[in-house]
Amino acid sequence: AVAGDIAAVIGLRFTVTGDTLCTKRAPVVLESMQFAEPVISLAIEPRSSADKDNLEAALAKLSKDDPTFATHVDEDTGQTLISGMGELHLEVLVRRLEEEFRVPVHTGKPRVAYKQTVGARAEAEHVFERVVGEKTQFARVRIRVEPDPLAARPLFVDCADPAVMPKRFLPNVKSGALSSAEGGVGYGYPAVQLRVTLVEGATREQDATEAAFEAAASRAFQDAFEAAGCVVLEPIKKFEVQTPEQYMGDVLGDLNRRRAVIQDMAEEEGVRVIKGTVPISEMFGYSTALRSQSQGRASYSMGPHSYAPVPPELAP
């Protein structure tokens, strides 16, 4: 195979999407691809208990093949959830389960992968002091949280005085704060677009422990997050709709009802092209609606765009 060729290889048991294949004599690793996080989930279960193991094996195979597909078990409900980039993506995967892997399944209603951030800056301090066994554990941590629209994940910053805050406990402070950001505050969604700053920390040398700093940081973060006010974020998709001119009015009206933001309208080869952004929560069943509005002559595509605050009156 040379540059430009497309090759097929069989028998690769441990290769996944994004790996670099090369000769042992000239090892090389190409830059890996960055894939968007799944934004929609639905519950799935086998139609019979006899297919449970087959379903787990099939889901594992699909996850290995498709980096934008994920599966996990909800700790609260015990349900198996599959997550993907959109309603059509999950429909295709469910169809593959039934036709390619021969596993009949039941599916539940799709769920949107909401996230959250804070609406303002706030600080909070927590003092952890507890006697465990015969030893006293003590730590004092002050945390500041503030919005950071450019931070895809919570950004941790250390501004504590190193003369007072022992640096060896900094990883524990970071772990305590960021673990709470994964879903232990607010509405329980993962926190994003957030800057977390260690303002100060202190302890008594004889009572300093890793557990004390982690617990103090976790509680300080939770208090600061609550004080700053929680803002729910929803995934936004960019879209492109292609429709004949005579159906333009119906298509635009339906998009506006779905809270779409129209960014561009053009004409290409006699077809009107509408581009913009729309919350994915409003696009369930859109393929059927679009076919109905255009007698099956319009088409659309969607791709990842961003997260944006949910209007207060629509917050889940």
C-alpha atoms as a PDB file:
ATOM      1  CA  ALA A   1       0.000   0.000   0.000  1.00  0.00           C
ATOM      2  CA  VAL A   2       1.325   3.427  -0.941  1.00  0.00           C
ATOM      3  CA  ALA A   3       0.140   6.972  -0.262  1.00  0.00           C
ATOM      4  CA  GLY A   4      -3.454   7.370  -1.402  1.00  0.00           C
ATOM      5  CA  ASP A   5      -4.352   3.667  -1.296  1.00  0.00           C
ATOM      6  CA  ILE A   6      -7.223   2.275   0.743  1.00  0.00           C
ATOM      7  CA  ALA A   7      -6.342  -1.127   2.192  1.00  0.00           C
ATOM      8  CA  ALA A   8      -8.248  -3.809   4.099  1.00  0.00           C
ATOM      9  CA  VAL A   9      -6.558  -6.003   6.707  1.00  0.00           C
ATOM     10  CA  ILE A  10      -8.010  -9.002   8.549  1.00  0.00           C
ATOM     11  CA  GLY A  11      -6.962 -10.696  11.778  1.00  0.00           C
ATOM     12  CA  LEU A  12      -6.149  -7.572  13.836  1.00  0.00           C
ATOM     13  CA  ARG A  13      -7.427  -8.501  17.298  1.00  0.00           C
ATOM     14  CA  PHE A  14      -6.193  -5.524  19.307  1.00  0.00           C
ATOM     15  CA  THR A  15      -6.234  -2.648  16.795  1.00  0.00           C
ATOM     16  CA  VAL A  16      -8.752   0.163  17.295  1.00  0.00           C
ATOM     17  CA  THR A  17      -9.662   3.352  15.463  1.00  0.00           C
ATOM     18  CA  GLY A  18      -6.854   5.884  15.786  1.00  0.00           C
ATOM     19  CA  ASP A  19      -3.988   3.386  16.034  1.00  0.00           C
ATOM     20  CA  THR A  20      -0.972   3.709  13.728  1.00  0.00           C
ATOM     21  CA  LEU A  21       0.078   0.596  11.779  1.00  0.00           C
ATOM     22  CA  CYS A  22       3.768   0.463  10.880  1.00  0.00           C
ATOM     23  CA  THR A  23       6.673  -1.925  10.421  1.00  0.00           C
ATOM     24  CA  LYS A  24       8.690  -2.949  13.472  1.00  0.00           C
ATOM     25  CA  ARG A  25      11.826  -1.777  11.680  1.00  0.00           C
ATOM     26  CA  ALA A  26      10.556   1.805  11.460  1.00  0.00           C
ATOM     27  CA  PRO A  27       8.160   2.443  14.368  1.00  0.00           C
ATOM     28  CA  VAL A  28       6.116   5.637  14.121  1.00  0.00           C
ATOM     29  CA  VAL A  29       3.035   7.034  15.830  1.00  0.00           C
ATOM     30  CA  LEU A  30       0.883   9.508  13.926  1.00  0.00           C
ATOM     31  CA  GLU A  31      -1.102  12.163  15.755  1.00  0.00           C
ATOM     32  CA  SER A  32      -4.312  10.611  17.041  1.00  0.00           C
ATOM     33  CA  MET A  33      -7.717  11.949  16.048  1.00  0.00           C
ATOM     34  CA  GLN A  34      -9.885  13.896  18.477  1.00  0.00           C
ATOM     35  CA  PHE A  35     -13.493  12.703  18.619  1.00  0.00           C
ATOM     36  CA  ALA A  36     -16.469  14.640  19.965  1.00  0.00           C
ATOM     37  CA  GLU A  37     -18.175  13.376  23.122  1.00  0.00           C
ATOM     38  CA  PRO A  38     -21.567  11.627  22.743  1.00  0.00           C
ATOM     39  CA  VAL A  39     -24.514  13.979  23.271  1.00  0.00           C
ATOM     40  CA  ILE A  40     -27.549  11.691  23.350  1.00  0.00           C
ATOM     41  CA  SER A  41     -28.336   8.460  25.203  1.00  0.00           C
ATOM     42  CA  LEU A  42     -31.048   5.841  25.323  1.00  0.00           C
ATOM     43  CA  ALA A  43     -31.706   2.796  27.457  1.00  0.00           C
ATOM     44  CA  ILE A  44     -31.322  -0.623  25.858  1.00  0.00           C
ATOM     45  CA  GLU A  45     -32.010  -4.178  27.006  1.00  0.00           C
ATOM     46  CA  PRO A  46     -32.244  -7.603  25.360  1.00  0.00           C
ATOM     47  CA  ARG A  47     -35.714  -8.912  24.611  1.00  0.00           C
ATOM     48  CA  SER A  48     -34.860 -12.112  26.462  1.00  0.00           C
ATOM     49  CA  SER A  49     -32.487 -12.733  29.362  1.00  0.00           C
ATOM     50  CA  ALA A  50     -30.741 -15.414  27.271  1.00  0.00           C
ATOM     51  CA  ASP A  51     -29.349 -12.653  25.022  1.00  0.00           C
ATOM     52  CA  LYS A  52     -27.809 -10.615  27.870  1.00  0.00           C
ATOM     53  CA  ASP A  53     -24.251 -11.863  27.306  1.00  0.00           C
ATOM     54  CA  ASN A  54     -24.606 -11.540  23.533  1.00  0.00           C
ATOM     55  CA  LEU A  55     -25.740  -7.934  23.916  1.00  0.00           C
ATOM     56  CA  GLU A  56     -22.771  -7.060  26.127  1.00  0.00           C
ATOM     57  CA  ALA A  57     -20.359  -8.605  23.626  1.00  0.00           C
ATOM     58  CA  ALA A  58     -21.986  -6.808  20.693  1.00  0.00           C
ATOM     59  CA  LEU A  59     -21.917  -3.438  22.482  1.00  0.00           C
ATOM     60  CA  ALA A  60     -18.249  -3.926  23.307  1.00  0.00           C
ATOM     61  CA  LYS A  61     -17.516  -4.638  19.638  1.00  0.00           C
ATOM     62  CA  LEU A  62     -19.422  -1.542  18.486  1.00  0.00           C
ATOM     63  CA  SER A  63     -17.625   0.642  21.068  1.00  0.00           C
ATOM     64  CA  LYS A  64     -14.268  -0.603  19.811  1.00  0.00           C
ATOM     65  CA  ASP A  65     -15.189   0.132  16.185  1.00  0.00           C
ATOM     66  CA  ASP A  66     -16.767   3.562  16.746  1.00  0.00           C
ATOM     67  CA  PRO A  67     -14.994   6.103  19.024  1.00  0.00           C
ATOM     68  CA  THR A  68     -18.105   8.345  19.068  1.00  0.00           C
ATOM     69  CA  PHE A  69     -20.226   5.546  20.565  1.00  0.00           C
ATOM     70  CA  ALA A  70     -20.169   4.705  24.274  1.00  0.00           C
ATOM     71  CA  THR A  71     -22.024   2.392  26.616  1.00  0.00           C
ATOM     72  CA  HIS A  72     -22.290   2.203  30.403  1.00  0.00           C
ATOM     73  CA  VAL A  73     -24.561   0.998  33.188  1.00  0.00           C
ATOM     74  CA  ASP A  74     -26.477   3.654  35.129  1.00  0.00           C
ATOM     75  CA  GLU A  75     -25.604   3.187  38.803  1.00  0.00           C
ATOM     76  CA  ASP A  76     -29.000   4.449  40.005  1.00  0.00           C
ATOM     77  CA  THR A  77     -31.321   2.495  37.697  1.00  0.00           C
ATOM     78  CA  GLY A  78     -29.156  -0.459  36.667  1.00  0.00           C
ATOM     79  CA  GLN A  79     -30.095   0.193  33.027  1.00  0.00           C
ATOM     80  CA  THR A  80     -27.607  -0.198  30.188  1.00  0.00           C
ATOM     81  CA  LEU A  81     -27.318   3.110  28.315  1.00  0.00           C
ATOM     82  CA  ILE A  82     -25.849   3.630  24.868  1.00  0.00           C
ATOM     83  CA  SER A  83     -24.675   7.083  23.810  1.00  0.00           C
ATOM     84  CA  GLY A  84     -23.931   8.569  20.407  1.00  0.00           C
ATOM     85  CA  MET A  85     -23.807  11.722  18.299  1.00  0.00           C
ATOM     86  CA  GLY A  86     -27.497  11.896  17.427  1.00  0.00           C
ATOM     87  CA  GLU A  87     -30.803  10.084  17.026  1.00  0.00           C
ATOM     88  CA  LEU A  88     -29.915   8.703  13.589  1.00  0.00           C
ATOM     89  CA  HIS A  89     -26.529   7.466  14.857  1.00  0.00           C
ATOM     90  CA  LEU A  90     -28.222   5.421  17.596  1.00  0.00           C
ATOM     91  CA  GLU A  91     -30.896   4.148  15.197  1.00  0.00           C
ATOM     92  CA  VAL A  92     -28.180   2.775  12.915  1.00  0.00           C
ATOM     93  CA  LEU A  93     -26.374   1.116  15.836  1.00  0.00           C
ATOM     94  CA  VAL A  94     -29.578  -0.503  17.117  1.00  0.00           C
ATOM     95  CA  ARG A  95     -30.277  -1.777  13.607  1.00  0.00           C
ATOM     96  CA  ARG A  96     -26.762  -3.262  13.464  1.00  0.00           C
ATOM     97  CA  LEU A  97     -27.333  -5.009  16.799  1.00  0.00           C
ATOM     98  CA  GLU A  98     -30.438  -6.712  15.474  1.00  0.00           C
ATOM     99  CA  GLU A  99     -29.360  -7.482  11.900  1.00  0.00           C
ATOM    100  CA  GLU A 100     -25.590  -7.901  12.110  1.00  0.00           C
ATOM    101  CA  PHE A 101     -25.206  -9.340  15.619  1.00  0.00           C
ATOM    102  CA  ARG A 102     -28.629 -11.052  15.757  1.00  0.00           C
ATOM    103  CA  VAL A 103     -29.509  -9.605  19.175  1.00  0.00           C
ATOM    104  CA  PRO A 104     -33.168  -8.444  19.423  1.00  0.00           C
ATOM    105  CA  VAL A 105     -33.421  -5.461  21.812  1.00  0.00           C
ATOM    106  CA  HIS A 106     -35.880  -3.073  23.439  1.00  0.00           C
ATOM    107  CA  THR A 107     -34.937   0.607  23.603  1.00  0.00           C
ATOM    108  CA  GLY A 108     -36.126   3.428  25.817  1.00  0.00           C
ATOM    109  CA  LYS A 109     -36.699   7.108  25.072  1.00  0.00           C
ATOM    110  CA  PRO A 110     -33.545   9.033  24.075  1.00  0.00           C
ATOM    111  CA  ARG A 111     -31.990  11.276  26.731  1.00  0.00           C
ATOM    112  CA  VAL A 112     -29.898  14.389  26.188  1.00  0.00           C
ATOM    113  CA  ALA A 113     -26.422  14.574  27.760  1.00  0.00           C
ATOM    114  CA  TYR A 114     -26.802  17.842  29.667  1.00  0.00           C
ATOM    115  CA  LYS A 115     -23.882  19.485  31.453  1.00  0.00           C
ATOM    116  CA  GLN A 116     -23.623  22.372  33.896  1.00  0.00           C
ATOM    117  CA  THR A 117     -21.482  25.316  34.910  1.00  0.00           C
ATOM    118  CA  VAL A 118     -21.661  28.250  37.327  1.00  0.00           C
ATOM    119  CA  GLY A 119     -23.314  31.585  36.680  1.00  0.00           C
ATOM    120  CA  ALA A 120     -20.886  33.754  38.670  1.00  0.00           C
ATOM    121  CA  ARG A 121     -17.715  33.758  40.752  1.00  0.00           C
ATOM    122  CA  ALA A 122     -17.892  32.481  44.322  1.00  0.00           C
ATOM    123  CA  GLU A 123     -15.569  31.260  47.077  1.00  0.00           C
ATOM    124  CA  ALA A 124     -16.060  28.869  49.954  1.00  0.00           C
ATOM    125  CA  GLU A 125     -13.897  27.471  52.723  1.00  0.00           C
ATOM    126  CA  HIS A 126     -14.184  24.175  54.525  1.00  0.00           C
ATOM    127  CA  VAL A 127     -12.350  22.930  57.590  1.00  0.00           C
ATOM    128  CA  PHE A 128     -12.081  19.159  57.903  1.00  0.00           C
ATOM    129  CA  GLU A 129     -11.234  17.898  61.387  1.00  0.00           C
ATOM    130  CA  ARG A 130     -11.964  14.381  62.476  1.00  0.00           C
ATOM    131  CA  VAL A 131     -10.505  11.749  64.768  1.00  0.00           C
ATOM    132  CA  VAL A 132      -9.926   8.467  62.945  1.00  0.00           C
ATOM    133  CA  GLY A 133      -8.738   5.718  65.246  1.00  0.00           C
ATOM    134  CA  GLU A 134      -6.504   7.598  67.653  1.00  0.00           C
ATOM    135  CA  LYS A 135      -5.215  10.138  65.131  1.00  0.00           C
ATOM    136  CA  THR A 136      -6.665  13.567  64.407  1.00  0.00           C
ATOM    137  CA  GLN A 137      -6.934  14.564  60.740  1.00  0.00           C
ATOM    138  CA  PHE A 138      -7.058  18.272  59.929  1.00  0.00           C
ATOM    139  CA  ALA A 139      -7.099  20.376  56.752  1.00  0.00           C
ATOM    140  CA  ARG A 140      -8.464  23.782  55.777  1.00  0.00           C
ATOM    141  CA  VAL A 141      -9.099  24.555  52.106  1.00  0.00           C
ATOM    142  CA  ARG A 142     -10.525  27.625  50.371  1.00  0.00           C
ATOM    143  CA  ILE A 143     -11.783  27.186  46.787  1.00  0.00           C
ATOM    144  CA  ARG A 144     -12.927  29.728  44.191  1.00  0.00           C
ATOM    145  CA  VAL A 145     -15.073  28.781  41.178  1.00  0.00           C
ATOM    146  CA  GLU A 146     -15.868  30.970  38.172  1.00  0.00           C
ATOM    147  CA  PRO A 147     -17.151  30.534  34.614  1.00  0.00           C
ATOM    148  CA  ASP A 148     -14.589  29.876  31.885  1.00  0.00           C
ATOM    149  CA  PRO A 149     -16.361  29.474  28.499  1.00  0.00           C
ATOM    150  CA  LEU A 150     -13.179  28.195  26.834  1.00  0.00           C
ATOM    151  CA  ALA A 151     -12.600  25.321  29.280  1.00  0.00           C
ATOM    152  CA  ALA A 152     -13.982  22.089  27.825  1.00  0.00           C
ATOM    153  CA  ARG A 153     -13.259  20.466  31.207  1.00  0.00           C
ATOM    154  CA  PRO A 154     -12.825  22.002  34.681  1.00  0.00           C
ATOM    155  CA  LEU A 155      -9.506  23.851  34.820  1.00  0.00           C
ATOM    156  CA  PHE A 156      -7.643  23.660  38.151  1.00  0.00           C
ATOM    157  CA  VAL A 157      -5.350  26.537  39.185  1.00  0.00           C
ATOM    158  CA  ASP A 158      -3.146  26.707  42.297  1.00  0.00           C
ATOM    159  CA  CYS A 159      -2.814  30.180  43.837  1.00  0.00           C
ATOM    160  CA  ALA A 160      -2.169  29.134  47.434  1.00  0.00           C
ATOM    161  CA  ASP A 161       0.818  30.398  49.401  1.00  0.00           C
ATOM    162  CA  PRO A 162       3.405  27.577  49.255  1.00  0.00           C
ATOM    163  CA  ALA A 163       4.698  28.637  52.682  1.00  0.00           C
ATOM    164  CA  VAL A 164       1.331  27.702  54.206  1.00  0.00           C
ATOM    165  CA  MET A 165      -0.148  25.094  51.851  1.00  0.00           C
ATOM    166  CA  PRO A 166       2.051  21.944  51.712  1.00  0.00           C
ATOM    167  CA  LYS A 167       2.599  21.231  48.005  1.00  0.00           C
ATOM    168  CA  ARG A 168       2.697  17.475  48.565  1.00  0.00           C
ATOM    169  CA  PHE A 169      -1.054  17.604  49.226  1.00  0.00           C
ATOM    170  CA  LEU A 170      -1.871  19.584  46.074  1.00  0.00           C
ATOM    171  CA  PRO A 171      -2.829  16.442  44.061  1.00  0.00           C
ATOM    172  CA  ASN A 172      -5.322  15.543  46.795  1.00  0.00           C
ATOM    173  CA  VAL A 173      -6.910  18.991  46.702  1.00  0.00           C
ATOM    174  CA  LYS A 174      -7.195  18.786  42.926  1.00  0.00           C
ATOM    175  CA  SER A 175      -8.641  15.278  43.072  1.00  0.00           C
ATOM    176  CA  GLY A 176     -11.210  16.233  45.716  1.00  0.00           C
ATOM    177  CA  ALA A 177     -12.445  19.266  43.783  1.00  0.00           C
ATOM    178  CA  LEU A 178     -12.507  17.754  40.313  1.00  0.00           C
ATOM    179  CA  SER A 179     -14.110  14.491  41.392  1.00  0.00           C
ATOM    180  CA  SER A 180     -17.032  16.506  42.786  1.00  0.00           C
ATOM    181  CA  ALA A 181     -17.220  18.354  39.459  1.00  0.00           C
ATOM    182  CA  GLU A 182     -17.948  15.060  37.691  1.00  0.00           C
ATOM    183  CA  GLY A 183     -21.523  15.070  38.935  1.00  0.00           C
ATOM    184  CA  GLY A 184     -21.615  15.521  42.697  1.00  0.00           C
ATOM    185  CA  VAL A 185     -23.007  19.076  42.694  1.00  0.00           C
ATOM    186  CA  GLY A 186     -25.895  21.107  41.318  1.00  0.00           C
ATOM    187  CA  TYR A 187     -28.217  19.040  39.152  1.00  0.00           C
ATOM    188  CA  GLY A 188     -25.816  16.095  39.055  1.00  0.00           C
ATOM    189  CA  TYR A 189     -24.528  16.718  35.528  1.00  0.00           C
ATOM    190  CA  PRO A 190     -20.779  16.895  34.749  1.00  0.00           C
ATOM    191  CA  ALA A 191     -19.403  20.424  35.204  1.00  0.00           C
ATOM    192  CA  VAL A 192     -17.689  22.135  32.255  1.00  0.00           C
ATOM    193  CA  GLN A 193     -16.670  25.685  31.226  1.00  0.00           C
ATOM    194  CA  LEU A 194     -15.373  26.118  34.765  1.00  0.00           C
ATOM    195  CA  ARG A 195     -12.207  27.386  36.437  1.00  0.00           C
ATOM    196  CA  VAL A 196     -11.425  26.025  39.922  1.00  0.00           C
ATOM    197  CA  THR A 197      -8.827  27.922  41.947  1.00  0.00           C
ATOM    198  CA  LEU A 198      -7.180  26.850  45.183  1.00  0.00           C
ATOM    199  CA  VAL A 199      -7.061  30.177  47.033  1.00  0.00           C
ATOM    200  CA  GLU A 200      -5.476  28.924  50.220  1.00  0.00           C
ATOM    201  CA  GLY A 201      -4.932  25.829  52.291  1.00  0.00           C
ATOM    202  CA  ALA A 202      -3.472  25.018  55.673  1.00  0.00           C
ATOM    203  CA  THR A 203      -3.018  22.215  58.178  1.00  0.00           C
ATOM    204  CA  ARG A 204      -1.260  21.253  61.367  1.00  0.00           C
ATOM    205  CA  GLU A 205       1.874  19.298  60.556  1.00  0.00           C
ATOM    206  CA  GLN A 206       1.157  16.482  62.985  1.00  0.00           C
ATOM    207  CA  ASP A 207      -2.451  16.171  61.724  1.00  0.00           C
ATOM    208  CA  ALA A 208      -1.868  16.504  57.969  1.00  0.00           C
ATOM    209  CA  THR A 209      -3.256  13.659  55.836  1.00  0.00           C
ATOM    210  CA  GLU A 210      -4.109  13.157  52.184  1.00  0.00           C
ATOM    211  CA  ALA A 211      -7.677  12.137  53.051  1.00  0.00           C
ATOM    212  CA  ALA A 212      -8.254  15.329  55.052  1.00  0.00           C
ATOM    213  CA  PHE A 213      -7.205  17.593  52.175  1.00  0.00           C
ATOM    214  CA  GLU A 214      -9.246  15.652  49.642  1.00  0.00           C
ATOM    215  CA  ALA A 215     -12.366  15.782  51.814  1.00  0.00           C
ATOM    216  CA  ALA A 216     -11.918  19.485  52.630  1.00  0.00           C
ATOM    217  CA  ALA A 217     -11.428  20.373  48.958  1.00  0.00           C
ATOM    218  CA  SER A 218     -14.475  18.370  47.898  1.00  0.00           C
ATOM    219  CA  ARG A 219     -16.750  20.098  50.386  1.00  0.00           C
ATOM    220  CA  ALA A 220     -15.293  23.549  49.685  1.00  0.00           C
ATOM    221  CA  PHE A 221     -15.882  23.046  45.968  1.00  0.00           C
ATOM    222  CA  GLN A 222     -19.474  21.934  46.531  1.00  0.00           C
ATOM    223  CA  ASP A 223     -20.219  24.974  48.729  1.00  0.00           C
ATOM    224  CA  ALA A 224     -18.602  27.376  46.239  1.00  0.00           C
ATOM    225  CA  PHE A 225     -20.488  25.805  43.319  1.00  0.00           C
ATOM    226  CA  GLU A 226     -23.825  26.153  45.103  1.00  0.00           C
ATOM    227  CA  ALA A 227     -23.054  29.758  46.044  1.00  0.00           C
ATOM    228  CA  ALA A 228     -22.158  30.655  42.459  1.00  0.00           C
ATOM    229  CA  GLY A 229     -25.453  29.366  41.083  1.00  0.00           C
ATOM    230  CA  CYS A 230     -25.873  26.437  38.690  1.00  0.00           C
ATOM    231  CA  VAL A 231     -26.448  26.931  34.953  1.00  0.00           C
ATOM    232  CA  VAL A 232     -27.617  23.904  32.942  1.00  0.00           C
ATOM    233  CA  LEU A 233     -25.974  23.532  29.514  1.00  0.00           C
ATOM    234  CA  GLU A 234     -27.435  21.659  26.548  1.00  0.00           C
ATOM    235  CA  PRO A 235     -25.608  20.295  23.488  1.00  0.00           C
ATOM    236  CA  ILE A 236     -26.023  22.406  20.355  1.00  0.00           C
ATOM    237  CA  LYS A 237     -25.703  20.923  16.879  1.00  0.00           C
ATOM    238  CA  LYS A 238     -24.849  22.667  13.644  1.00  0.00           C
ATOM    239  CA  PHE A 239     -27.171  21.613  10.829  1.00  0.00           C
ATOM    240  CA  GLU A 240     -27.663  21.897   7.102  1.00  0.00           C
ATOM    241  CA  VAL A 241     -31.045  21.369   5.460  1.00  0.00           C
ATOM    242  CA  GLN A 242     -31.453  21.055   1.694  1.00  0.00           C
ATOM    243  CA  THR A 243     -35.000  21.566   0.434  1.00  0.00           C
ATOM    244  CA  PRO A 244     -36.807  22.476  -2.808  1.00  0.00           C
ATOM    245  CA  GLU A 245     -37.999  26.098  -2.905  1.00  0.00           C
ATOM    246  CA  GLN A 246     -41.721  25.286  -2.567  1.00  0.00           C
ATOM    247  CA  TYR A 247     -41.227  23.721   0.880  1.00  0.00           C
ATOM    248  CA  MET A 248     -38.985  26.486   2.235  1.00  0.00           C
ATOM    249  CA  GLY A 249     -41.677  28.169   4.352  1.00  0.00           C
ATOM    250  CA  ASP A 250     -42.782  24.989   6.126  1.00  0.00           C
ATOM    251  CA  VAL A 251     -39.193  23.906   6.785  1.00  0.00           C
ATOM    252  CA  LEU A 252     -38.191  27.314   8.205  1.00  0.00           C
ATOM    253  CA  GLY A 253     -41.296  27.511  10.373  1.00  0.00           C
ATOM    254  CA  ASP A 254     -40.600  24.076  11.839  1.00  0.00           C
ATOM    255  CA  LEU A 255     -36.939  24.943  12.511  1.00  0.00           C
ATOM    256  CA  ASN A 256     -37.957  28.145  14.313  1.00  0.00           C
ATOM    257  CA  ARG A 257     -40.320  26.146  16.547  1.00  0.00           C
ATOM    258  CA  ARG A 258     -37.357  23.930  17.406  1.00  0.00           C
ATOM    259  CA  ARG A 259     -35.341  26.932  18.687  1.00  0.00           C
ATOM    260  CA  ALA A 260     -33.016  26.860  15.681  1.00  0.00           C
ATOM    261  CA  VAL A 261     -30.741  29.834  14.942  1.00  0.00           C
ATOM    262  CA  ILE A 262     -30.554  30.344  11.183  1.00  0.00           C
ATOM    263  CA  GLN A 263     -27.085  31.542  10.159  1.00  0.00           C
ATOM    264  CA  ASP A 264     -27.124  31.272   6.389  1.00  0.00           C
ATOM    265  CA  MET A 265     -29.523  30.607   3.506  1.00  0.00           C
ATOM    266  CA  ALA A 266     -28.334  30.047  -0.052  1.00  0.00           C
ATOM    267  CA  GLU A 267     -29.325  28.430  -3.311  1.00  0.00           C
ATOM    268  CA  GLU A 268     -27.238  25.667  -4.827  1.00  0.00           C
ATOM    269  CA  GLU A 269     -28.229  23.985  -8.100  1.00  0.00           C
ATOM    270  CA  GLY A 270     -31.886  24.909  -7.684  1.00  0.00           C
ATOM    271  CA  VAL A 271     -32.073  23.689  -4.056  1.00  0.00           C
ATOM    272  CA  ARG A 272     -32.331  25.999  -1.040  1.00  0.00           C
ATOM    273  CA  VAL A 273     -29.704  25.321   1.637  1.00  0.00           C
ATOM    274  CA  ILE A 274     -30.356  26.391   5.232  1.00  0.00           C
ATOM    275  CA  LYS A 275     -27.513  26.383   7.760  1.00  0.00           C
ATOM    276  CA  GLY A 276     -27.556  27.131  11.471  1.00  0.00           C
ATOM    277  CA  THR A 277     -27.494  25.704  14.978  1.00  0.00           C
ATOM    278  CA  VAL A 278     -30.166  23.983  17.050  1.00  0.00           C
ATOM    279  CA  PRO A 279     -30.455  22.238  20.457  1.00  0.00           C
ATOM    280  CA  ILE A 280     -30.321  18.492  19.945  1.00  0.00           C
ATOM    281  CA  SER A 281     -33.196  18.043  22.413  1.00  0.00           C
ATOM    282  CA  GLU A 282     -35.477  19.701  19.832  1.00  0.00           C
ATOM    283  CA  MET A 283     -34.454  17.421  16.957  1.00  0.00           C
ATOM    284  CA  PHE A 284     -35.956  14.123  18.096  1.00  0.00           C
ATOM    285  CA  GLY A 285     -38.049  12.777  15.233  1.00  0.00           C
ATOM    286  CA  TYR A 286     -36.880  15.489  12.849  1.00  0.00           C
ATOM    287  CA  SER A 287     -36.104  13.144   9.968  1.00  0.00           C
ATOM    288  CA  THR A 288     -39.745  12.001   9.908  1.00  0.00           C
ATOM    289  CA  ALA A 289     -41.055  15.576  10.201  1.00  0.00           C
ATOM    290  CA  LEU A 290     -38.820  16.815   7.378  1.00  0.00           C
ATOM    291  CA  ARG A 291     -39.920  14.032   5.060  1.00  0.00           C
ATOM    292  CA  SER A 292     -43.550  14.878   5.806  1.00  0.00           C
ATOM    293  CA  GLN A 293     -43.056  18.599   5.116  1.00  0.00           C
ATOM    294  CA  SER A 294     -41.290  18.029   1.794  1.00  0.00           C
ATOM    295  CA  GLN A 295     -42.940  14.886   0.429  1.00  0.00           C
ATOM    296  CA  GLY A 296     -39.629  13.123   1.047  1.00  0.00           C
ATOM    297  CA  ARG A 297     -37.602  15.518  -1.137  1.00  0.00           C
ATOM    298  CA  ALA A 298     -35.653  17.418   1.569  1.00  0.00           C
ATOM    299  CA  SER A 299     -32.611  16.133   3.444  1.00  0.00           C
ATOM    300  CA  TYR A 300     -30.488  17.274   6.360  1.00  0.00           C
ATOM    301  CA  SER A 301     -27.240  16.612   8.202  1.00  0.00           C
ATOM    302  CA  MET A 302     -25.981  17.557  11.665  1.00  0.00           C
ATOM    303  CA  GLY A 303     -22.624  17.783  13.418  1.00  0.00           C
ATOM    304  CA  PRO A 304     -21.285  18.752  16.861  1.00  0.00           C
ATOM    305  CA  HIS A 305     -21.040  22.468  17.652  1.00  0.00           C
ATOM    306  CA  SER A 306     -21.037  23.528  21.320  1.00  0.00           C
ATOM    307  CA  TYR A 307     -22.865  23.649  24.659  1.00  0.00           C
ATOM    308  CA  ALA A 308     -25.114  26.595  25.571  1.00  0.00           C
ATOM    309  CA  PRO A 309     -27.301  27.545  28.572  1.00  0.00           C
ATOM    310  CA  VAL A 310     -30.799  26.096  28.609  1.00  0.00           C
ATOM    311  CA  PRO A 311     -33.536  28.767  28.834  1.00  0.00           C
ATOM    312  CA  PRO A 312     -34.720  28.859  32.479  1.00  0.00           C
ATOM    313  CA  GLU A 313     -38.292  27.943  31.572  1.00  0.00           C
ATOM    314  CA  LEU A 314     -37.045  24.786  29.779  1.00  0.00           C
ATOM    315  CA  ALA A 315     -34.407  23.635  32.284  1.00  0.00           C
ATOM    316  CA  PRO A 316     -34.739  19.879  33.030  1.00  0.00           C
END
